[in-house]
Amino acid sequence: MKRKAQGALEYLFMIAAVLVLVLYATKVILNGTRGLEKSVGNYTEQVRKQILENL
C-alpha cells in the first residue's frame, strides 16, 4: 500500500511540474504577443502619419 501511495504522490508532483511549465510558457507567449501588438500599433501609427503628411 505504501508503494502505491508513493507512486501516486510522484505522479501528482509530475503533473504539478508540467502545469508550472505550461503556465510559464503561456505567460511568455502572452507577453510576447502584447509586445508585438504594441510594435505593430506604433508602426501603423507612424505609417498613417507619413501618409497624411504626403497628401
PDB file of N, CA and C in Angstrom:
ATOM      1  N   MET A   1       0.818  -1.192   0.000  1.00  0.00           N
ATOM      2  CA  MET A   1       0.000   0.000   0.000  1.00  0.00           C
ATOM      3  C   MET A   1       0.871   1.269   0.000  1.00  0.00           C
ATOM      4  N   LYS A   2       1.974   1.237   0.739  1.00  0.00           N
ATOM      5  CA  LYS A   2       2.858   2.388   0.816  1.00  0.00           C
ATOM      6  C   LYS A   2       3.471   2.692  -0.543  1.00  0.00           C
ATOM      7  N   ARG A   3       3.744   1.656  -1.288  1.00  0.00           N
ATOM      8  CA  ARG A   3       4.352   1.828  -2.609  1.00  0.00           C
ATOM      9  C   ARG A   3       3.387   2.517  -3.578  1.00  0.00           C
ATOM     10  N   LYS A   4       2.112   2.164  -3.503  1.00  0.00           N
ATOM     11  CA  LYS A   4       1.112   2.804  -4.367  1.00  0.00           C
ATOM     12  C   LYS A   4       0.955   4.279  -4.016  1.00  0.00           C
ATOM     13  N   ALA A   5       0.985   4.575  -2.727  1.00  0.00           N
ATOM     14  CA  ALA A   5       0.857   5.967  -2.301  1.00  0.00           C
ATOM     15  C   ALA A   5       2.044   6.785  -2.782  1.00  0.00           C
ATOM     16  N   GLN A   6       3.232   6.196  -2.716  1.00  0.00           N
ATOM     17  CA  GLN A   6       4.420   6.902  -3.184  1.00  0.00           C
ATOM     18  C   GLN A   6       4.338   7.138  -4.685  1.00  0.00           C
ATOM     19  N   GLY A   7       3.866   6.158  -5.434  1.00  0.00           N
ATOM     20  CA  GLY A   7       3.708   6.315  -6.877  1.00  0.00           C
ATOM     21  C   GLY A   7       2.693   7.399  -7.209  1.00  0.00           C
ATOM     22  N   ALA A   8       1.592   7.421  -6.456  1.00  0.00           N
ATOM     23  CA  ALA A   8       0.568   8.448  -6.688  1.00  0.00           C
ATOM     24  C   ALA A   8       1.109   9.833  -6.372  1.00  0.00           C
ATOM     25  N   LEU A   9       1.892   9.933  -5.319  1.00  0.00           N
ATOM     26  CA  LEU A   9       2.467  11.219  -4.945  1.00  0.00           C
ATOM     27  C   LEU A   9       3.461  11.698  -6.000  1.00  0.00           C
ATOM     28  N   GLU A  10       4.287  10.803  -6.494  1.00  0.00           N
ATOM     29  CA  GLU A  10       5.229  11.165  -7.555  1.00  0.00           C
ATOM     30  C   GLU A  10       4.481  11.613  -8.807  1.00  0.00           C
ATOM     31  N   TYR A  11       3.392  10.939  -9.122  1.00  0.00           N
ATOM     32  CA  TYR A  11       2.577  11.294 -10.277  1.00  0.00           C
ATOM     33  C   TYR A  11       2.004  12.704 -10.101  1.00  0.00           C
ATOM     34  N   LEU A  12       1.518  13.024  -8.909  1.00  0.00           N
ATOM     35  CA  LEU A  12       0.969  14.357  -8.659  1.00  0.00           C
ATOM     36  C   LEU A  12       2.049  15.432  -8.771  1.00  0.00           C
ATOM     37  N   PHE A  13       3.255  15.132  -8.294  1.00  0.00           N
ATOM     38  CA  PHE A  13       4.347  16.097  -8.425  1.00  0.00           C
ATOM     39  C   PHE A  13       4.710  16.315  -9.891  1.00  0.00           C
ATOM     40  N   MET A  14       4.678  15.275 -10.678  1.00  0.00           N
ATOM     41  CA  MET A  14       4.963  15.421 -12.110  1.00  0.00           C
ATOM     42  C   MET A  14       3.904  16.281 -12.786  1.00  0.00           C
ATOM     43  N   ILE A  15       2.641  16.045 -12.434  1.00  0.00           N
ATOM     44  CA  ILE A  15       1.560  16.859 -13.004  1.00  0.00           C
ATOM     45  C   ILE A  15       1.731  18.318 -12.591  1.00  0.00           C
ATOM     46  N   ALA A  16       2.090  18.557 -11.329  1.00  0.00           N
ATOM     47  CA  ALA A  16       2.301  19.932 -10.858  1.00  0.00           C
ATOM     48  C   ALA A  16       3.445  20.588 -11.624  1.00  0.00           C
ATOM     49  N   ALA A  17       4.531  19.846 -11.854  1.00  0.00           N
ATOM     50  CA  ALA A  17       5.664  20.411 -12.595  1.00  0.00           C
ATOM     51  C   ALA A  17       5.261  20.757 -14.025  1.00  0.00           C
ATOM     52  N   VAL A  18       4.490  19.901 -14.646  1.00  0.00           N
ATOM     53  CA  VAL A  18       4.034  20.161 -16.018  1.00  0.00           C
ATOM     54  C   VAL A  18       3.134  21.381 -16.049  1.00  0.00           C
ATOM     55  N   LEU A  19       2.257  21.513 -15.075  1.00  0.00           N
ATOM     56  CA  LEU A  19       1.364  22.677 -15.027  1.00  0.00           C
ATOM     57  C   LEU A  19       2.146  23.973 -14.831  1.00  0.00           C
ATOM     58  N   VAL A  20       3.173  23.938 -14.008  1.00  0.00           N
ATOM     59  CA  VAL A  20       4.005  25.130 -13.818  1.00  0.00           C
ATOM     60  C   VAL A  20       4.684  25.504 -15.130  1.00  0.00           C
ATOM     61  N   LEU A  21       5.209  24.521 -15.842  1.00  0.00           N
ATOM     62  CA  LEU A  21       5.860  24.800 -17.130  1.00  0.00           C
ATOM     63  C   LEU A  21       4.868  25.356 -18.149  1.00  0.00           C
ATOM     64  N   VAL A  22       3.670  24.807 -18.181  1.00  0.00           N
ATOM     65  CA  VAL A  22       2.649  25.288 -19.119  1.00  0.00           C
ATOM     66  C   VAL A  22       2.253  26.721 -18.783  1.00  0.00           C
ATOM     67  N   LEU A  23       2.082  27.010 -17.504  1.00  0.00           N
ATOM     68  CA  LEU A  23       1.718  28.379 -17.112  1.00  0.00           C
ATOM     69  C   LEU A  23       2.831  29.365 -17.455  1.00  0.00           C
ATOM     70  N   TYR A  24       4.071  28.970 -17.234  1.00  0.00           N
ATOM     71  CA  TYR A  24       5.200  29.845 -17.565  1.00  0.00           C
ATOM     72  C   TYR A  24       5.265  30.081 -19.074  1.00  0.00           C
ATOM     73  N   ALA A  25       5.092  29.027 -19.855  1.00  0.00           N
ATOM     74  CA  ALA A  25       5.121  29.172 -21.311  1.00  0.00           C
ATOM     75  C   ALA A  25       3.982  30.074 -21.783  1.00  0.00           C
ATOM     76  N   THR A  26       2.808  29.921 -21.189  1.00  0.00           N
ATOM     77  CA  THR A  26       1.669  30.764 -21.546  1.00  0.00           C
ATOM     78  C   THR A  26       1.956  32.224 -21.228  1.00  0.00           C
ATOM     79  N   LYS A  27       2.572  32.467 -20.073  1.00  0.00           N
ATOM     80  CA  LYS A  27       2.907  33.834 -19.693  1.00  0.00           C
ATOM     81  C   LYS A  27       3.900  34.448 -20.680  1.00  0.00           C
ATOM     82  N   VAL A  28       4.904  33.689 -21.072  1.00  0.00           N
ATOM     83  CA  VAL A  28       5.901  34.179 -22.032  1.00  0.00           C
ATOM     84  C   VAL A  28       5.244  34.486 -23.373  1.00  0.00           C
ATOM     85  N   ILE A  29       4.373  33.598 -23.822  1.00  0.00           N
ATOM     86  CA  ILE A  29       3.696  33.802 -25.111  1.00  0.00           C
ATOM     87  C   ILE A  29       2.800  35.032 -25.063  1.00  0.00           C
ATOM     88  N   LEU A  30       2.045  35.186 -23.975  1.00  0.00           N
ATOM     89  CA  LEU A  30       1.154  36.346 -23.869  1.00  0.00           C
ATOM     90  C   LEU A  30       1.941  37.650 -23.811  1.00  0.00           C
ATOM     91  N   ASN A  31       3.052  37.665 -23.078  1.00  0.00           N
ATOM     92  CA  ASN A  31       3.884  38.874 -23.041  1.00  0.00           C
ATOM     93  C   ASN A  31       4.465  39.177 -24.417  1.00  0.00           C
ATOM     94  N   GLY A  32       4.837  38.147 -25.144  1.00  0.00           N
ATOM     95  CA  GLY A  32       5.364  38.340 -26.493  1.00  0.00           C
ATOM     96  C   GLY A  32       4.322  38.904 -27.438  1.00  0.00           C
ATOM     97  N   THR A  33       3.106  38.415 -27.346  1.00  0.00           N
ATOM     98  CA  THR A  33       2.056  38.923 -28.224  1.00  0.00           C
ATOM     99  C   THR A  33       1.679  40.352 -27.862  1.00  0.00           C
ATOM    100  N   ARG A  34       1.729  40.688 -26.575  1.00  0.00           N
ATOM    101  CA  ARG A  34       1.447  42.077 -26.181  1.00  0.00           C
ATOM    102  C   ARG A  34       2.520  43.010 -26.743  1.00  0.00           C
ATOM    103  N   GLY A  35       3.768  42.590 -26.648  1.00  0.00           N
ATOM    104  CA  GLY A  35       4.847  43.405 -27.202  1.00  0.00           C
ATOM    105  C   GLY A  35       4.727  43.551 -28.705  1.00  0.00           C
ATOM    106  N   LEU A  36       4.366  42.471 -29.363  1.00  0.00           N
ATOM    107  CA  LEU A  36       4.182  42.518 -30.812  1.00  0.00           C
ATOM    108  C   LEU A  36       3.023  43.432 -31.177  1.00  0.00           C
ATOM    109  N   GLU A  37       1.958  43.369 -30.403  1.00  0.00           N
ATOM    110  CA  GLU A  37       0.804  44.224 -30.666  1.00  0.00           C
ATOM    111  C   GLU A  37       1.185  45.701 -30.532  1.00  0.00           C
ATOM    112  N   LYS A  38       1.968  46.027 -29.512  1.00  0.00           N
ATOM    113  CA  LYS A  38       2.413  47.417 -29.340  1.00  0.00           C
ATOM    114  C   LYS A  38       3.303  47.851 -30.495  1.00  0.00           C
ATOM    115  N   SER A  39       4.196  46.989 -30.915  1.00  0.00           N
ATOM    116  CA  SER A  39       5.103  47.328 -32.014  1.00  0.00           C
ATOM    117  C   SER A  39       4.338  47.559 -33.307  1.00  0.00           C
ATOM    118  N   VAL A  40       3.397  46.683 -33.590  1.00  0.00           N
ATOM    119  CA  VAL A  40       2.601  46.828 -34.813  1.00  0.00           C
ATOM    120  C   VAL A  40       1.744  48.078 -34.725  1.00  0.00           C
ATOM    121  N   GLY A  41       1.203  48.357 -33.553  1.00  0.00           N
ATOM    122  CA  GLY A  41       0.396  49.566 -33.373  1.00  0.00           C
ATOM    123  C   GLY A  41       1.212  50.825 -33.610  1.00  0.00           C
ATOM    124  N   ASN A  42       2.432  50.847 -33.062  1.00  0.00           N
ATOM    125  CA  ASN A  42       3.306  52.012 -33.272  1.00  0.00           C
ATOM    126  C   ASN A  42       3.689  52.148 -34.737  1.00  0.00           C
ATOM    127  N   TYR A  43       3.973  51.039 -35.393  1.00  0.00           N
ATOM    128  CA  TYR A  43       4.348  51.076 -36.810  1.00  0.00           C
ATOM    129  C   TYR A  43       3.200  51.594 -37.661  1.00  0.00           C
ATOM    130  N   THR A  44       1.999  51.102 -37.422  1.00  0.00           N
ATOM    131  CA  THR A  44       0.853  51.564 -38.219  1.00  0.00           C
ATOM    132  C   THR A  44       0.573  53.036 -37.958  1.00  0.00           C
ATOM    133  N   GLU A  45       0.781  53.487 -36.727  1.00  0.00           N
ATOM    134  CA  GLU A  45       0.576  54.908 -36.420  1.00  0.00           C
ATOM    135  C   GLU A  45       1.577  55.771 -37.181  1.00  0.00           C
ATOM    136  N   GLN A  46       2.826  55.341 -37.243  1.00  0.00           N
ATOM    137  CA  GLN A  46       3.838  56.095 -37.983  1.00  0.00           C
ATOM    138  C   GLN A  46       3.556  56.107 -39.480  1.00  0.00           C
ATOM    139  N   VAL A  47       3.129  54.974 -40.007  1.00  0.00           N
ATOM    140  CA  VAL A  47       2.796  54.910 -41.428  1.00  0.00           C
ATOM    141  C   VAL A  47       1.603  55.807 -41.727  1.00  0.00           C
ATOM    142  N   ARG A  48       0.617  55.803 -40.860  1.00  0.00           N
ATOM    143  CA  ARG A  48      -0.563  56.656 -41.043  1.00  0.00           C
ATOM    144  C   ARG A  48      -0.154  58.128 -41.045  1.00  0.00           C
ATOM    145  N   LYS A  49       0.727  58.518 -40.112  1.00  0.00           N
ATOM    146  CA  LYS A  49       1.180  59.914 -40.058  1.00  0.00           C
ATOM    147  C   LYS A  49       1.925  60.291 -41.330  1.00  0.00           C
ATOM    148  N   GLN A  50       2.781  59.409 -41.823  1.00  0.00           N
ATOM    149  CA  GLN A  50       3.529  59.722 -43.045  1.00  0.00           C
ATOM    150  C   GLN A  50       2.612  59.812 -44.260  1.00  0.00           C
ATOM    151  N   ILE A  51       1.604  58.956 -44.295  1.00  0.00           N
ATOM    152  CA  ILE A  51       0.650  59.034 -45.422  1.00  0.00           C
ATOM    153  C   ILE A  51      -0.090  60.354 -45.380  1.00  0.00           C
ATOM    154  N   LEU A  52      -0.530  60.777 -44.177  1.00  0.00           N
ATOM    155  CA  LEU A  52      -1.244  62.051 -44.077  1.00  0.00           C
ATOM    156  C   LEU A  52      -0.345  63.232 -44.401  1.00  0.00           C
ATOM    157  N   GLU A  53       0.937  63.139 -44.056  1.00  0.00           N
ATOM    158  CA  GLU A  53       1.865  64.219 -44.376  1.00  0.00           C
ATOM    159  C   GLU A  53       2.098  64.323 -45.886  1.00  0.00           C
ATOM    160  N   ASN A  54       2.049  63.201 -46.592  1.00  0.00           N
ATOM    161  CA  ASN A  54       2.319  63.205 -48.021  1.00  0.00           C
ATOM    162  C   ASN A  54       1.099  63.566 -48.866  1.00  0.00           C
ATOM    163  N   LEU A  55      -0.043  63.693 -48.228  1.00  0.00           N
ATOM    164  CA  LEU A  55      -1.233  64.058 -49.021  1.00  0.00           C
ATOM    165  C   LEU A  55      -1.231  65.483 -49.435  1.00  0.00           C
TER     166      LEU A  55
END
